Protein backbone atom coordinates (compact mmCIF):
# COMPACT_ATOMS: atom_id res chain seq x y z
CA ASN A 1 25.13 -22.06 -5.60
CA VAL A 2 27.75 -19.88 -7.21
CA PHE A 3 27.47 -18.35 -10.64
CA LEU A 4 28.99 -15.80 -12.95
CA ARG A 5 26.89 -12.80 -13.89
CA PRO A 6 24.96 -13.29 -17.14
CA GLY A 7 27.13 -13.04 -20.23
CA ILE A 8 30.51 -13.25 -18.51
CA GLU A 9 31.09 -16.91 -19.34
CA ASP A 10 30.30 -16.26 -22.99
CA ILE A 11 32.71 -13.31 -23.08
CA ILE A 12 35.46 -15.49 -21.58
CA HIS A 13 34.90 -18.19 -24.21
CA ARG A 14 34.84 -15.63 -27.05
CA ALA A 15 38.07 -14.07 -25.81
CA ARG A 16 39.73 -17.48 -25.71
CA ARG A 17 38.53 -18.37 -29.22
CA HIS A 18 40.06 -15.15 -30.53
CA GLY A 19 43.35 -15.61 -28.70
CA LEU A 20 42.94 -12.70 -26.31
CA LYS A 21 44.82 -12.93 -23.03
CA LEU A 22 42.69 -13.19 -19.90
CA ALA A 23 43.48 -12.10 -16.37
CA ILE A 24 41.79 -11.83 -13.01
CA ALA A 25 42.51 -8.80 -10.81
CA THR A 26 40.57 -9.07 -7.58
CA THR A 27 41.15 -8.29 -3.95
CA THR A 28 39.18 -11.29 -2.78
CA SER A 29 41.11 -14.39 -1.69
CA ARG A 30 42.73 -16.87 -4.07
CA PRO A 31 40.71 -19.81 -2.63
CA ASN A 32 37.48 -17.89 -3.36
CA VAL A 33 38.58 -17.21 -6.95
CA GLU A 34 39.62 -20.82 -7.50
CA ALA A 35 36.33 -22.11 -6.08
CA LEU A 36 34.25 -19.76 -8.25
CA ILE A 37 36.15 -20.60 -11.43
CA ALA A 38 36.05 -24.35 -10.77
CA ALA A 39 32.32 -24.30 -9.94
CA THR A 40 31.33 -22.20 -12.95
CA LEU A 41 33.85 -22.98 -15.69
CA GLY A 42 35.46 -26.24 -14.60
CA SER A 43 38.58 -27.22 -12.72
CA GLU A 44 40.88 -26.68 -15.73
CA ALA A 45 39.67 -23.12 -16.29
CA MET A 46 42.22 -21.46 -13.98
CA THR A 47 44.81 -22.25 -16.67
CA TRP A 48 42.88 -20.04 -19.13
CA PHE A 49 44.05 -16.93 -17.27
CA GLN A 50 47.57 -15.68 -17.97
CA SER A 51 47.57 -13.72 -14.71
CA VAL A 52 45.56 -14.19 -11.55
CA ARG A 53 46.21 -11.63 -8.85
CA THR A 54 44.25 -11.67 -5.60
CA GLY A 55 44.13 -10.03 -2.20
CA GLU A 56 47.10 -12.11 -1.08
CA ASP A 57 49.25 -10.43 -3.73
CA VAL A 58 48.65 -6.82 -2.69
CA SER A 59 49.15 -4.69 0.38
CA ARG A 60 46.44 -2.22 -0.62
CA LYS A 61 42.89 -3.09 -1.72
CA LYS A 62 40.76 -1.39 -4.36
CA PRO A 63 40.22 1.52 -4.94
CA ASP A 64 44.02 1.47 -4.89
CA PRO A 65 45.16 0.30 -8.36
CA GLN A 66 47.89 -2.03 -7.09
CA VAL A 67 46.18 -5.25 -8.20
CA PHE A 68 45.71 -3.89 -11.73
CA GLU A 69 49.34 -2.73 -11.84
CA LEU A 70 50.47 -6.27 -11.03
CA VAL A 71 48.31 -7.81 -13.76
CA MET A 72 49.48 -5.27 -16.34
CA ARG A 73 53.08 -6.02 -15.40
CA ASP A 74 52.47 -9.78 -15.61
CA LEU A 75 50.96 -9.45 -19.08
CA GLY A 76 53.36 -6.77 -20.28
CA PHE A 77 50.43 -4.69 -21.53
CA PRO A 78 49.94 -0.92 -21.45
CA ALA A 79 46.54 0.44 -20.43
CA ASP A 80 45.33 0.89 -24.00
CA LYS A 81 45.72 -2.85 -24.66
CA CYS A 82 43.57 -3.83 -21.68
CA LEU A 83 39.85 -3.97 -21.07
CA VAL A 84 38.52 -4.21 -17.53
CA PHE A 85 35.17 -5.70 -16.54
CA GLU A 86 34.22 -4.47 -13.07
CA ASP A 87 31.19 -4.59 -10.82
CA SER A 88 31.96 -1.95 -8.18
CA ALA A 89 32.74 1.74 -7.84
CA ASN A 90 35.96 0.89 -5.98
CA GLY A 91 37.08 -1.31 -8.87
CA LEU A 92 36.17 1.42 -11.34
CA ARG A 93 38.24 3.98 -9.42
CA ALA A 94 41.20 1.59 -9.24
CA ALA A 95 41.14 0.89 -12.98
CA LYS A 96 40.61 4.52 -13.95
CA ALA A 97 43.59 5.55 -11.80
CA LEU A 98 45.64 3.74 -14.48
CA ASP A 99 43.56 5.02 -17.42
CA LEU A 100 42.20 1.55 -18.12
CA PRO A 101 38.98 1.28 -20.15
CA VAL A 102 36.22 -0.08 -17.91
CA ILE A 103 32.95 -1.84 -18.63
CA ILE A 104 30.71 -2.07 -15.57
CA THR A 105 28.30 -4.96 -15.05
CA PRO A 106 26.86 -4.22 -11.60
CA SER A 107 25.92 -6.93 -9.15
CA ILE A 108 22.85 -6.82 -6.96
CA TYR A 109 25.13 -5.46 -4.23
CA THR A 110 26.61 -2.64 -6.32
CA ALA A 111 23.67 -1.63 -8.51
CA ASP A 112 23.31 1.69 -6.66
CA ASP A 113 27.01 2.60 -6.82
CA ASP A 114 28.11 5.74 -8.65
CA PHE A 115 29.71 4.57 -11.89
CA SER A 116 30.57 8.04 -13.21
CA GLY A 117 33.65 7.76 -15.35
CA ALA A 118 32.95 4.24 -16.62
CA ASP A 119 33.29 3.78 -20.36
CA LEU A 120 30.19 1.63 -20.45
CA VAL A 121 27.66 0.49 -17.85
CA MET A 122 25.64 -2.57 -18.82
CA LYS A 123 22.85 -4.01 -16.76
CA ASN A 124 23.54 -7.42 -18.23
CA ALA A 125 26.56 -8.55 -20.26
CA ALA A 126 24.39 -11.14 -22.01
CA GLU A 127 22.31 -8.53 -23.89
CA PRO A 128 23.03 -8.15 -27.60
CA LEU A 129 25.45 -5.29 -28.20
CA SER A 130 22.82 -3.29 -30.05
CA HIS A 131 20.73 -3.21 -26.86
CA ARG A 132 23.50 -2.08 -24.54
CA LYS A 133 23.24 1.48 -23.37
CA LEU A 134 25.88 4.00 -22.53
CA MET A 135 24.56 4.94 -19.11
CA HIS A 136 27.01 7.67 -18.15
CA ALA A 137 26.27 10.92 -19.95
CA GLY A 138 29.34 12.21 -21.70
CA GLY A 139 31.14 8.90 -21.35
CA SER A 140 32.99 7.38 -24.24
CA ILE A 141 33.69 3.82 -25.18
CA ALA A 142 37.47 4.07 -25.14
CA VAL A 143 37.95 0.49 -26.21
CA ASN A 144 39.64 -0.65 -29.39
CA SER A 145 36.89 -1.75 -31.78
CA GLU A 146 38.79 -5.01 -32.25
CA TYR A 147 37.87 -5.94 -28.67
CA TRP A 148 34.20 -5.27 -29.34
CA GLU A 149 34.21 -7.36 -32.50
CA LYS A 150 35.87 -10.29 -30.77
CA LEU A 151 33.91 -10.20 -27.54
CA PHE A 152 30.45 -9.06 -28.52
CA THR A 153 29.72 -10.09 -32.10
C-alpha cells in the first residue's frame, strides 16, 4: 500500500480549487512519483502539476538545491512566491539554500532529523491550523498569508 501523509491530499485539492500552481521537486525516480500519484490521487493527477522534476532531471541530489532551481525556472516564480512542503533535513537544506519558505511534515523515517531553520514543522498536515505548532524556536512563518488562507482554512 502506498499513501500520502495525512493532510497532503487535502492541501493539493485546496491549492487546485484556488488556482495555485503545483509542482513536484524530488530526487526520487519519475516512475516512483508517477506510481505514487496514480495510486493515491488517480491516473489523471500528474496533469495537476505544472512542473515535475525528479532524480533523472538533476546531476546533484538534495541537499543540493538543483531540483528546486529547475522547478522555479519552469514556473517562472521567485522564492517568495513559492511554498515548499518537505519531509527531510536534506530537502530543508536544499530549499533554504534558495531562501524558499519550508513547511516540514516529517515521515516516520525522518522524524528525528534536525529541522532547524524550517519555517514551520507540523507533525501532521491534517491538523486544524489552530493546533499546528511552530516547533523551531525563533523560527518565523515566512509565507504569504494568502497561501495560508487558501491552503489551510
